[in-house]
Amino acid sequence: MVSLSLSRLDWLSWRTPFLFFTGKGGVGKTTIASAAAVALSDAGQRVLLVSTDPASNLADVLGTAVAREPQPVPGVAGLEAMNLDPDAAAFAYRERVIGPYRGVVSEGQLAAIEEQLAGECTVEVAAFDQFTQLIVRPELTGRYDHVLFDTAPTGHTLRLMDLPSAWSQYIETSPEGASCLGPRSGLQAQREQYRAAVQQLADPQRTSLVLVSRPDAAALREAARAASELADRDIGNQRLVINGLLAEPLVGDTVAEALAHRQRQALESLPTGLQATPAAWVPLVGVDLTGVAALRALVAGSNRAETPSATEPAEGLPLPELSALIDELDAGGPRAVLVMGKGGVGKSTIAASITVALACRGNEVHLSTTDPAGRPSDVLGGHAPEHLTISRIDPAAELARYTAERLNAAADMDPERRALLQEDLQSPCTQELAVFRAFSGLISEARRRFVIIDTAPSGHTLRLLDLTGSYHRQIMHDPTVQHGRVATPLMRLQDPARTRVLIVTLPELTPASEAAMLQDDLRRAGIEPFGWVINASLTGSGTHDPVLLARAALERPHLHRVREQLAARVWIVPWQVESLVGEGRLAALTLG
């Protein structure tokens, strides 16, 4: 039974017109945001639900198509939903900037402007430009009582919150700067919009920040970091929602009691930064939370109404465990191993387990992460075996390093040109280039040792791969490059002798579907995944707890789909009674 001083979530307790739902990937932000939107609409409010996640699964959760413009959600009076499509936003942004120059400047000048707007940074800025419009333009949102934003995982959201200030400051301090966004007029016209967005985000009467977390230590640490960093940005009206609490575990059931105990320990050790934050919980349920009816049931609290009547634990599928994957990787020799997937599926744990196992076999291994919120040391528990090096790509540190090197290289440049370069380097786009350079360095390093890369959640990683592809095309079209003597990062990613890509998923609808979309995107880039890891499976765990047994039953079609339709190779990791932190427990995961 729950005895912590937390109350069950009151789904109608939201007061501000703008609500941002954020947190670590996979904690259920979309489900919580969607359920809140349905609850408010059913109470007579007019609501707009917006996804800002490049890897949005809002359509899956609502059970209906979601377009780029607000559209009514069938069966919910007063509720509309939309996705901020980054690519569509970028196209519209380019047209808005380029349009006034058509027929006015020469074809060569027009081509130069279009080239400036071709970078991935333009995609990001265009999306945030549309995002700020939804905050500050009453003609777009004035007819709604609440606008709910289902945001991308924390690192991406922090970046989104930073951009209005970053571009506003850049416009003011760089009157002559030439950025990757093309003509400054495309930014100058939006200056007041960005300033107004900053003011709205910081106004506690207008904006609430809802930190969604699972009741586990890693997700709560992420929520605490987000709370602190958002408070530093003057976004202080925060609430914490603990999603997926097993409030009434079956007495005597080892798996259920272990899960409930682990959740309780995490909540009793709540990070200092969250202890003063108003908090509430949402139960773990044994039903598929897709569609309006399921969301209404969650709001009503009828989570056990659809629990299957079966009392026997489900049998596991005959899939190899992680030890078999380690044998294959070890036999292949040093190379890069990219661990990819939706946030919250356990990429960091799987990457760390692979790393520890290879290092314990005497291999030199480097574990790193491209996730802005990633901390490999958290999973390793402060202890690392011999032969292991740990790092992380810190966007701020990489930006500082890249900027310093560019300015040092321009030491002999005339003062006027150097001043322009310095202004251009202040553009928020520069960080993207700095991170790409660090990522490329990791891939190159795999020629002499294993490099295990715990990637950012899918949407963020695909943006990085897009930039990798853009760089490849640029090199291949350079007439000064001897093509037979150069290997771009994309070529290394495409070569299975140099790189193996692992897709991690949970045996659930949304993670498996997003993993399938990620695989399709990788294949379009010429990158064939080596195999899939299905993590934290309750199937075959032996549980008799009604909720967990129901969740195991929900896993079966997804296990079959991955094995039979999606993956060339599959390895399964059962749900672990022990918390997977520290060298010993990570190593035990790979022993078979």
Foldseek 3Di string as FASTA:
>chain_A
DDDPPFAADQLPPDQAQEEEEAFFFPLCLLLSLVLSLLVCQVVPFQEEEEEAALLDPNCFLAVHDAEQAWDDRPPGPRYTYHYLHLVVLLVVLLCVVLVVCVVPDDPVVSVVQVQLSPALVSSVVSSLLVVLCCQPPCVRVVVGSHYYYSYAHLVSVLVSLCVLVLLLVLVVPAVPAAASNGDCVSVVVCNVSSVVSLVQQLDLNHYEYEYEAELAQVRLVRSLVSQVSVVVSNNNRYAYEHEAAAPDWDPPFLQSVLVNVRSVVSVVPRDPSCPPHHYHYFHRALDFSHHPVSSVCSSVVVRLPPQDPDQFFFADDPAAAQLVVLVVVLVLFFAEEEEAFTTPLCLLLSLLLSQLQNVVVVFQEEEEEAALSDDSCFQAVVDGDPNYHYDYQHLVVLLVVVLVVVLVVCVVPPPVVSVNVNSRSSRPVVSLVSSLVVVQVLRVVRVRGHYYYSYHHLSVVLSSVVVQVVVVVVQVPDPVDDVVPDAGSLNQQLDPSHYAYEYEAELADSRLVSSQVSQVSCVVSNHHHPWYEHEAALRNVGGSTSSSSSNNVNSVVSVCCRVPPGTPGYHYQHRDSDDSGHSVSSNVSNPD
